[in-house]
Amino acid sequence: MSPRIYTQEEIAKISQSALLVGDTLAEMAKMIAPGVKTIELDRRAEEFIRSNGAIPACKGYEGFPSALCISVNEVVVHGFPSELELKDGDIVSVDCVVEKDGYFGDSAYTFMVGNVADPVRNLLEATKVSLYKGIEQARAGKRTGDIGHAVQSYVEARGYGVVRELCGHGVGAHMHEKPDVLNYGKQGSGVLLKEGMVIAIEPMITLGKRNIGIAKNGWEVYTLDGKPAAHFEHSLTITGGEARILSSFEKVEEILKNK
């Protein structure tokens, strides 16, 4: 099945959902601090999403129990919110998907809790930069391998690992659609990108080795060496020129700057 091509009207609705994800992540930015339980973040996110006329799409998806994926330190993605209290020096990836008016938006941000060690801080910065390196390649006529190559070459040159078992994806009328968008690959390989496609790019990058395991709950993905991992994600649409990012970190980073 070929990746779906969306109309401008449909893309506007996807963007509405993606921007609501950004607003939800901004609510998390206000709350994240030492001593806060991750379940408290999840409760606030669900309340906020529903109050904006949308549905927290992760909740109930293939049995996932929560509105958010909240992944702390060595948990790469798909972490369960819990009674765990964040502590000074932690990092926490918050991945959120909302559905509004039948269309989905998807974005993730990795937050620092208090004073984070420089090597971990540098990992977050490199992961976020690699996201934008990938986005630079997301234009009509390029291929998914160009995105993966841009992410991989940037982070591996700095000594980080690229998780291979998970990837970005199409997004729009469903949470996950074609094509798969790997965070590694060769230039000129993979699916041809066309005007009107909508994808989520989401580098998952490790401080140590790239090898992962999956917890007994069948969801939480963690680094086998126990070292931290970072995760940033944007939803965007393919254009002939520069990719148009549909989600936003703007409100998140404004809050973080003023905390």
C-alpha atoms as a PDB file:
ATOM      1  CA  MET A   1       0.000   0.000   0.000  1.00  0.00           C
ATOM      2  CA  SER A   2       1.429   3.391  -1.037  1.00  0.00           C
ATOM      3  CA  PRO A   3       1.776   6.240   1.475  1.00  0.00           C
ATOM      4  CA  ARG A   4      -1.285   8.449   1.523  1.00  0.00           C
ATOM      5  CA  ILE A   5      -1.240  11.876  -0.120  1.00  0.00           C
ATOM      6  CA  TYR A   6      -3.186  14.461   1.896  1.00  0.00           C
ATOM      7  CA  THR A   7      -5.056  17.536   0.696  1.00  0.00           C
ATOM      8  CA  GLN A   8      -4.244  20.959   2.144  1.00  0.00           C
ATOM      9  CA  GLU A   9      -7.532  20.836   4.074  1.00  0.00           C
ATOM     10  CA  GLU A  10      -6.581  17.514   5.618  1.00  0.00           C
ATOM     11  CA  ILE A  11      -3.072  18.742   6.416  1.00  0.00           C
ATOM     12  CA  ALA A  12      -4.603  21.727   8.224  1.00  0.00           C
ATOM     13  CA  LYS A  13      -6.546  19.314  10.452  1.00  0.00           C
ATOM     14  CA  ILE A  14      -3.449  17.190  11.103  1.00  0.00           C
ATOM     15  CA  SER A  15      -1.613  20.391  12.021  1.00  0.00           C
ATOM     16  CA  GLN A  16      -4.390  21.317  14.466  1.00  0.00           C
ATOM     17  CA  SER A  17      -3.845  18.004  16.250  1.00  0.00           C
ATOM     18  CA  ALA A  18      -0.052  18.326  16.108  1.00  0.00           C
ATOM     19  CA  LEU A  19      -0.141  21.826  17.590  1.00  0.00           C
ATOM     20  CA  LEU A  20      -2.363  20.569  20.405  1.00  0.00           C
ATOM     21  CA  VAL A  21       0.368  18.017  21.138  1.00  0.00           C
ATOM     22  CA  GLY A  22       2.805  20.931  21.380  1.00  0.00           C
ATOM     23  CA  ASP A  23       0.472  22.698  23.799  1.00  0.00           C
ATOM     24  CA  THR A  24       0.230  19.503  25.864  1.00  0.00           C
ATOM     25  CA  LEU A  25       4.010  19.176  25.989  1.00  0.00           C
ATOM     26  CA  ALA A  26       4.131  22.798  27.148  1.00  0.00           C
ATOM     27  CA  GLU A  27       1.856  21.843  30.056  1.00  0.00           C
ATOM     28  CA  MET A  28       4.374  19.125  30.905  1.00  0.00           C
ATOM     29  CA  ALA A  29       7.215  21.655  30.743  1.00  0.00           C
ATOM     30  CA  LYS A  30       5.455  23.680  33.450  1.00  0.00           C
ATOM     31  CA  MET A  31       5.219  20.645  35.755  1.00  0.00           C
ATOM     32  CA  ILE A  32       8.433  18.673  35.270  1.00  0.00           C
ATOM     33  CA  ALA A  33      10.655  19.046  38.339  1.00  0.00           C
ATOM     34  CA  PRO A  34      12.295  16.878  40.998  1.00  0.00           C
ATOM     35  CA  GLY A  35       9.679  15.117  43.135  1.00  0.00           C
ATOM     36  CA  VAL A  36       6.920  15.083  40.501  1.00  0.00           C
ATOM     37  CA  LYS A  37       5.429  11.648  39.815  1.00  0.00           C
ATOM     38  CA  THR A  38       5.150  10.651  36.171  1.00  0.00           C
ATOM     39  CA  ILE A  39       1.540   9.564  36.738  1.00  0.00           C
ATOM     40  CA  GLU A  40       0.748  13.178  37.684  1.00  0.00           C
ATOM     41  CA  LEU A  41       2.046  14.316  34.286  1.00  0.00           C
ATOM     42  CA  ASP A  42      -0.149  11.750  32.577  1.00  0.00           C
ATOM     43  CA  ARG A  43      -3.285  12.794  34.469  1.00  0.00           C
ATOM     44  CA  ARG A  44      -2.746  16.452  33.618  1.00  0.00           C
ATOM     45  CA  ALA A  45      -2.079  15.660  29.947  1.00  0.00           C
ATOM     46  CA  GLU A  46      -5.272  13.630  29.579  1.00  0.00           C
ATOM     47  CA  GLU A  47      -7.322  16.325  31.275  1.00  0.00           C
ATOM     48  CA  PHE A  48      -5.790  19.010  29.030  1.00  0.00           C
ATOM     49  CA  ILE A  49      -6.262  17.062  25.795  1.00  0.00           C
ATOM     50  CA  ARG A  50      -9.902  16.217  26.540  1.00  0.00           C
ATOM     51  CA  SER A  51     -10.652  19.800  27.602  1.00  0.00           C
ATOM     52  CA  ASN A  52      -9.525  20.836  24.118  1.00  0.00           C
ATOM     53  CA  GLY A  53     -12.034  18.541  22.421  1.00  0.00           C
ATOM     54  CA  ALA A  54      -9.513  15.874  21.491  1.00  0.00           C
ATOM     55  CA  ILE A  55      -8.696  12.277  22.418  1.00  0.00           C
ATOM     56  CA  PRO A  56      -5.409  11.046  23.933  1.00  0.00           C
ATOM     57  CA  ALA A  57      -4.710   8.523  21.186  1.00  0.00           C
ATOM     58  CA  CYS A  58      -2.121   6.422  23.014  1.00  0.00           C
ATOM     59  CA  LYS A  59      -4.590   5.456  25.746  1.00  0.00           C
ATOM     60  CA  GLY A  60      -5.988   2.045  24.858  1.00  0.00           C
ATOM     61  CA  TYR A  61      -3.895   1.719  21.696  1.00  0.00           C
ATOM     62  CA  GLU A  62      -3.148  -2.013  21.504  1.00  0.00           C
ATOM     63  CA  GLY A  63      -3.649  -2.094  25.275  1.00  0.00           C
ATOM     64  CA  PHE A  64      -1.372   0.816  26.197  1.00  0.00           C
ATOM     65  CA  PRO A  65      -2.698   2.086  29.549  1.00  0.00           C
ATOM     66  CA  SER A  66      -1.928   5.805  29.504  1.00  0.00           C
ATOM     67  CA  ALA A  67      -2.349   9.091  27.660  1.00  0.00           C
ATOM     68  CA  LEU A  68       1.410   9.627  27.404  1.00  0.00           C
ATOM     69  CA  CYS A  69       4.512   7.545  26.885  1.00  0.00           C
ATOM     70  CA  ILE A  70       6.855   8.768  29.628  1.00  0.00           C
ATOM     71  CA  SER A  71      10.358   7.335  29.420  1.00  0.00           C
ATOM     72  CA  VAL A  72      12.975   8.153  32.059  1.00  0.00           C
ATOM     73  CA  ASN A  73      16.762   7.863  31.635  1.00  0.00           C
ATOM     74  CA  GLU A  74      17.609   4.457  30.104  1.00  0.00           C
ATOM     75  CA  VAL A  75      14.009   3.888  28.945  1.00  0.00           C
ATOM     76  CA  VAL A  76      14.104   4.874  25.274  1.00  0.00           C
ATOM     77  CA  VAL A  77      10.383   4.999  24.477  1.00  0.00           C
ATOM     78  CA  HIS A  78       6.960   3.612  25.484  1.00  0.00           C
ATOM     79  CA  GLY A  79       7.483   4.037  29.204  1.00  0.00           C
ATOM     80  CA  PHE A  80       4.429   3.664  31.471  1.00  0.00           C
ATOM     81  CA  PRO A  81       3.521   6.606  33.723  1.00  0.00           C
ATOM     82  CA  SER A  82       3.734   5.469  37.331  1.00  0.00           C
ATOM     83  CA  GLU A  83       4.313   6.505  40.928  1.00  0.00           C
ATOM     84  CA  LEU A  84       7.981   7.026  40.069  1.00  0.00           C
ATOM     85  CA  GLU A  85       9.188  10.428  41.278  1.00  0.00           C
ATOM     86  CA  LEU A  86      11.488  12.358  38.988  1.00  0.00           C
ATOM     87  CA  LYS A  87      14.788  13.295  40.586  1.00  0.00           C
ATOM     88  CA  ASP A  88      17.473  15.863  39.977  1.00  0.00           C
ATOM     89  CA  GLY A  89      19.643  14.844  37.027  1.00  0.00           C
ATOM     90  CA  ASP A  90      17.022  12.689  35.282  1.00  0.00           C
ATOM     91  CA  ILE A  91      15.941  13.076  31.700  1.00  0.00           C
ATOM     92  CA  VAL A  92      12.392  12.256  30.663  1.00  0.00           C
ATOM     93  CA  SER A  93      11.019  11.739  27.163  1.00  0.00           C
ATOM     94  CA  VAL A  94       7.354  12.635  26.818  1.00  0.00           C
ATOM     95  CA  ASP A  95       5.703  11.270  23.657  1.00  0.00           C
ATOM     96  CA  CYS A  96       2.151  12.378  22.961  1.00  0.00           C
ATOM     97  CA  VAL A  97      -0.379  11.607  20.220  1.00  0.00           C
ATOM     98  CA  VAL A  98      -3.778  13.257  19.971  1.00  0.00           C
ATOM     99  CA  GLU A  99      -6.744  12.672  17.696  1.00  0.00           C
ATOM    100  CA  LYS A 100      -9.015  15.573  16.877  1.00  0.00           C
ATOM    101  CA  ASP A 101     -11.701  15.636  14.192  1.00  0.00           C
ATOM    102  CA  GLY A 102     -10.470  12.285  12.907  1.00  0.00           C
ATOM    103  CA  TYR A 103      -6.834  13.292  12.380  1.00  0.00           C
ATOM    104  CA  PHE A 104      -3.728  12.558  14.432  1.00  0.00           C
ATOM    105  CA  GLY A 105      -0.759  14.636  15.548  1.00  0.00           C
ATOM    106  CA  ASP A 106       2.396  13.145  17.091  1.00  0.00           C
ATOM    107  CA  SER A 107       5.379  14.768  18.775  1.00  0.00           C
ATOM    108  CA  ALA A 108       7.896  14.084  21.547  1.00  0.00           C
ATOM    109  CA  TYR A 109      10.347  16.082  23.630  1.00  0.00           C
ATOM    110  CA  THR A 110      13.030  14.982  26.087  1.00  0.00           C
ATOM    111  CA  PHE A 111      13.151  17.186  29.185  1.00  0.00           C
ATOM    112  CA  MET A 112      15.937  17.721  31.700  1.00  0.00           C
ATOM    113  CA  VAL A 113      15.042  17.486  35.383  1.00  0.00           C
ATOM    114  CA  GLY A 114      17.072  19.899  37.481  1.00  0.00           C
ATOM    115  CA  ASN A 115      20.828  19.755  37.013  1.00  0.00           C
ATOM    116  CA  VAL A 116      21.746  17.249  34.291  1.00  0.00           C
ATOM    117  CA  ALA A 117      25.317  16.062  33.720  1.00  0.00           C
ATOM    118  CA  ASP A 118      27.045  17.585  30.693  1.00  0.00           C
ATOM    119  CA  PRO A 119      27.418  14.312  28.730  1.00  0.00           C
ATOM    120  CA  VAL A 120      23.674  13.719  28.989  1.00  0.00           C
ATOM    121  CA  ARG A 121      22.871  17.351  28.204  1.00  0.00           C
ATOM    122  CA  ASN A 122      25.038  17.028  25.082  1.00  0.00           C
ATOM    123  CA  LEU A 123      23.181  13.859  24.068  1.00  0.00           C
ATOM    124  CA  LEU A 124      19.873  15.724  24.175  1.00  0.00           C
ATOM    125  CA  GLU A 125      21.237  18.586  22.117  1.00  0.00           C
ATOM    126  CA  ALA A 126      22.695  16.252  19.487  1.00  0.00           C
ATOM    127  CA  THR A 127      19.454  14.266  19.266  1.00  0.00           C
ATOM    128  CA  LYS A 128      17.412  17.400  18.722  1.00  0.00           C
ATOM    129  CA  VAL A 129      19.849  18.687  16.096  1.00  0.00           C
ATOM    130  CA  SER A 130      19.681  15.316  14.318  1.00  0.00           C
ATOM    131  CA  LEU A 131      15.885  15.650  14.129  1.00  0.00           C
ATOM    132  CA  TYR A 132      16.266  18.890  12.205  1.00  0.00           C
ATOM    133  CA  LYS A 133      19.009  17.375  10.039  1.00  0.00           C
ATOM    134  CA  GLY A 134      16.470  14.713   9.080  1.00  0.00           C
ATOM    135  CA  ILE A 135      13.766  17.299   8.469  1.00  0.00           C
ATOM    136  CA  GLU A 136      16.072  19.146   6.050  1.00  0.00           C
ATOM    137  CA  GLN A 137      15.951  16.035   3.824  1.00  0.00           C
ATOM    138  CA  ALA A 138      12.149  15.675   3.983  1.00  0.00           C
ATOM    139  CA  ARG A 139      11.138  17.157   0.663  1.00  0.00           C
ATOM    140  CA  ALA A 140       9.577  15.882  -2.545  1.00  0.00           C
ATOM    141  CA  GLY A 141      12.023  13.915  -4.697  1.00  0.00           C
ATOM    142  CA  LYS A 142      14.143  12.761  -1.745  1.00  0.00           C
ATOM    143  CA  ARG A 143      13.799   9.331  -0.136  1.00  0.00           C
ATOM    144  CA  THR A 144      13.350   8.057   3.399  1.00  0.00           C
ATOM    145  CA  GLY A 145      16.948   6.832   3.351  1.00  0.00           C
ATOM    146  CA  ASP A 146      18.117  10.426   2.952  1.00  0.00           C
ATOM    147  CA  ILE A 147      16.386  11.266   6.239  1.00  0.00           C
ATOM    148  CA  GLY A 148      17.881   8.260   8.026  1.00  0.00           C
ATOM    149  CA  HIS A 149      21.346   8.938   6.664  1.00  0.00           C
ATOM    150  CA  ALA A 150      21.228  12.555   7.853  1.00  0.00           C
ATOM    151  CA  VAL A 151      20.241  11.503  11.390  1.00  0.00           C
ATOM    152  CA  GLN A 152      22.700   8.618  11.591  1.00  0.00           C
ATOM    153  CA  SER A 153      25.719  10.438  10.179  1.00  0.00           C
ATOM    154  CA  TYR A 154      25.252  13.364  12.558  1.00  0.00           C
ATOM    155  CA  VAL A 155      24.939  11.396  15.803  1.00  0.00           C
ATOM    156  CA  GLU A 156      27.352   8.562  15.049  1.00  0.00           C
ATOM    157  CA  ALA A 157      30.080  11.096  14.240  1.00  0.00           C
ATOM    158  CA  ARG A 158      29.658  12.243  17.838  1.00  0.00           C
ATOM    159  CA  GLY A 159      29.898   8.755  19.306  1.00  0.00           C
ATOM    160  CA  TYR A 160      26.208   8.101  19.973  1.00  0.00           C
ATOM    161  CA  GLY A 161      24.131   5.048  19.092  1.00  0.00           C
ATOM    162  CA  VAL A 162      21.078   4.935  16.832  1.00  0.00           C
ATOM    163  CA  VAL A 163      18.271   2.596  17.904  1.00  0.00           C
ATOM    164  CA  ARG A 164      17.473   0.445  14.856  1.00  0.00           C
ATOM    165  CA  GLU A 165      14.399  -1.492  15.967  1.00  0.00           C
ATOM    166  CA  LEU A 166      12.054   1.520  16.123  1.00  0.00           C
ATOM    167  CA  CYS A 167      11.430   4.275  13.624  1.00  0.00           C
ATOM    168  CA  GLY A 168       9.346   7.210  12.486  1.00  0.00           C
ATOM    169  CA  HIS A 169       6.275   6.727  10.336  1.00  0.00           C
ATOM    170  CA  GLY A 170       3.490   8.251   8.326  1.00  0.00           C
ATOM    171  CA  VAL A 171       0.776   9.945  10.368  1.00  0.00           C
ATOM    172  CA  GLY A 172      -2.586  11.528   9.573  1.00  0.00           C
ATOM    173  CA  ALA A 173      -5.827   9.581   9.385  1.00  0.00           C
ATOM    174  CA  HIS A 174      -4.158   6.937  11.615  1.00  0.00           C
ATOM    175  CA  MET A 175      -1.507   7.097  14.293  1.00  0.00           C
ATOM    176  CA  HIS A 176       0.877   4.934  12.275  1.00  0.00           C
ATOM    177  CA  GLU A 177       0.863   4.817   8.484  1.00  0.00           C
ATOM    178  CA  LYS A 178       3.275   4.095   5.660  1.00  0.00           C
ATOM    179  CA  PRO A 179       6.106   4.820   5.132  1.00  0.00           C
ATOM    180  CA  ASP A 180       8.488   3.680   7.855  1.00  0.00           C
ATOM    181  CA  VAL A 181      11.065   6.427   8.453  1.00  0.00           C
ATOM    182  CA  LEU A 182      14.254   4.853   9.762  1.00  0.00           C
ATOM    183  CA  ASN A 183      16.864   6.830  11.690  1.00  0.00           C
ATOM    184  CA  TYR A 184      19.684   5.201   9.728  1.00  0.00           C
ATOM    185  CA  GLY A 185      20.200   4.342   6.091  1.00  0.00           C
ATOM    186  CA  LYS A 186      21.824   5.126   2.786  1.00  0.00           C
ATOM    187  CA  GLN A 187      21.292   8.230   0.715  1.00  0.00           C
ATOM    188  CA  GLY A 188      18.981   7.635  -2.233  1.00  0.00           C
ATOM    189  CA  SER A 189      17.423   4.501  -0.704  1.00  0.00           C
ATOM    190  CA  GLY A 190      13.943   3.840   0.653  1.00  0.00           C
ATOM    191  CA  VAL A 191      10.519   5.219  -0.194  1.00  0.00           C
ATOM    192  CA  LEU A 192      10.238   8.197  -2.548  1.00  0.00           C
ATOM    193  CA  LEU A 193       8.872  11.267  -0.771  1.00  0.00           C
ATOM    194  CA  LYS A 194       6.032  13.056  -2.541  1.00  0.00           C
ATOM    195  CA  GLU A 195       4.215  16.354  -2.083  1.00  0.00           C
ATOM    196  CA  GLY A 196       1.342  15.972   0.386  1.00  0.00           C
ATOM    197  CA  MET A 197       2.754  13.056   2.388  1.00  0.00           C
ATOM    198  CA  VAL A 198       2.742  13.531   6.173  1.00  0.00           C
ATOM    199  CA  ILE A 199       5.375  11.828   8.322  1.00  0.00           C
ATOM    200  CA  ALA A 200       6.720  11.820  11.859  1.00  0.00           C
ATOM    201  CA  ILE A 201      10.504  11.839  12.215  1.00  0.00           C
ATOM    202  CA  GLU A 202      11.713  10.704  15.649  1.00  0.00           C
ATOM    203  CA  PRO A 203      15.391  10.030  16.357  1.00  0.00           C
ATOM    204  CA  MET A 204      15.964   7.709  19.327  1.00  0.00           C
ATOM    205  CA  ILE A 205      19.610   8.107  20.251  1.00  0.00           C
ATOM    206  CA  THR A 206      21.679   6.455  22.996  1.00  0.00           C
ATOM    207  CA  LEU A 207      24.587   7.738  25.054  1.00  0.00           C
ATOM    208  CA  GLY A 208      26.170   4.296  24.949  1.00  0.00           C
ATOM    209  CA  LYS A 209      25.588   1.302  22.698  1.00  0.00           C
ATOM    210  CA  ARG A 210      22.472   1.114  20.535  1.00  0.00           C
ATOM    211  CA  ASN A 211      21.352  -2.305  21.811  1.00  0.00           C
ATOM    212  CA  ILE A 212      17.916  -2.429  23.442  1.00  0.00           C
ATOM    213  CA  GLY A 213      15.648  -4.753  25.381  1.00  0.00           C
ATOM    214  CA  ILE A 214      11.898  -4.804  25.935  1.00  0.00           C
ATOM    215  CA  ALA A 215      10.442  -4.956  29.452  1.00  0.00           C
ATOM    216  CA  LYS A 216       8.147  -7.739  30.648  1.00  0.00           C
ATOM    217  CA  ASN A 217       5.141  -5.461  30.147  1.00  0.00           C
ATOM    218  CA  GLY A 218       5.820  -5.765  26.417  1.00  0.00           C
ATOM    219  CA  TRP A 219       6.087  -2.004  25.909  1.00  0.00           C
ATOM    220  CA  GLU A 220       8.978  -0.269  27.611  1.00  0.00           C
ATOM    221  CA  VAL A 221      12.121  -0.203  25.485  1.00  0.00           C
ATOM    222  CA  TYR A 222      15.367   0.290  27.401  1.00  0.00           C
ATOM    223  CA  THR A 223      19.100   0.403  26.687  1.00  0.00           C
ATOM    224  CA  LEU A 224      20.846  -2.838  27.564  1.00  0.00           C
ATOM    225  CA  ASP A 225      23.881  -1.004  28.941  1.00  0.00           C
ATOM    226  CA  GLY A 226      21.682   1.137  31.200  1.00  0.00           C
ATOM    227  CA  LYS A 227      22.886   4.417  29.736  1.00  0.00           C
ATOM    228  CA  PRO A 228      20.429   7.227  28.957  1.00  0.00           C
ATOM    229  CA  ALA A 229      18.630   7.696  25.649  1.00  0.00           C
ATOM    230  CA  ALA A 230      17.000  10.768  24.132  1.00  0.00           C
ATOM    231  CA  HIS A 231      13.989  11.097  21.833  1.00  0.00           C
ATOM    232  CA  PHE A 232      12.636  14.078  19.900  1.00  0.00           C
ATOM    233  CA  GLU A 233       9.831  13.978  17.324  1.00  0.00           C
ATOM    234  CA  HIS A 234       8.003  16.287  14.934  1.00  0.00           C
ATOM    235  CA  SER A 235       5.078  15.701  12.575  1.00  0.00           C
ATOM    236  CA  LEU A 236       5.619  17.376   9.203  1.00  0.00           C
ATOM    237  CA  THR A 237       4.363  17.463   5.655  1.00  0.00           C
ATOM    238  CA  ILE A 238       6.437  16.962   2.530  1.00  0.00           C
ATOM    239  CA  THR A 239       6.661  19.905   0.146  1.00  0.00           C
ATOM    240  CA  GLY A 240       8.658  20.591  -3.003  1.00  0.00           C
ATOM    241  CA  GLY A 241      10.817  23.052  -1.097  1.00  0.00           C
ATOM    242  CA  GLU A 242      11.463  22.851   2.637  1.00  0.00           C
ATOM    243  CA  ALA A 243       9.436  20.473   4.788  1.00  0.00           C
ATOM    244  CA  ARG A 244       6.658  22.170   6.749  1.00  0.00           C
ATOM    245  CA  ILE A 245       6.722  21.210  10.423  1.00  0.00           C
ATOM    246  CA  LEU A 246       3.168  20.768  11.718  1.00  0.00           C
ATOM    247  CA  SER A 247       3.972  20.311  15.421  1.00  0.00           C
ATOM    248  CA  SER A 248       5.848  22.865  17.526  1.00  0.00           C
ATOM    249  CA  PHE A 249       8.393  23.063  20.352  1.00  0.00           C
ATOM    250  CA  GLU A 250       7.996  26.844  20.576  1.00  0.00           C
ATOM    251  CA  LYS A 251       5.792  26.997  23.678  1.00  0.00           C
ATOM    252  CA  VAL A 252       7.786  24.235  25.407  1.00  0.00           C
ATOM    253  CA  GLU A 253      11.065  26.058  24.933  1.00  0.00           C
ATOM    254  CA  GLU A 254       9.638  29.420  25.945  1.00  0.00           C
ATOM    255  CA  ILE A 255       8.545  27.887  29.260  1.00  0.00           C
ATOM    256  CA  LEU A 256      11.860  26.102  29.789  1.00  0.00           C
ATOM    257  CA  LYS A 257      13.779  29.313  29.088  1.00  0.00           C
ATOM    258  CA  ASN A 258      11.829  31.140  31.790  1.00  0.00           C
ATOM    259  CA  LYS A 259      11.839  28.421  34.482  1.00  0.00           C
END
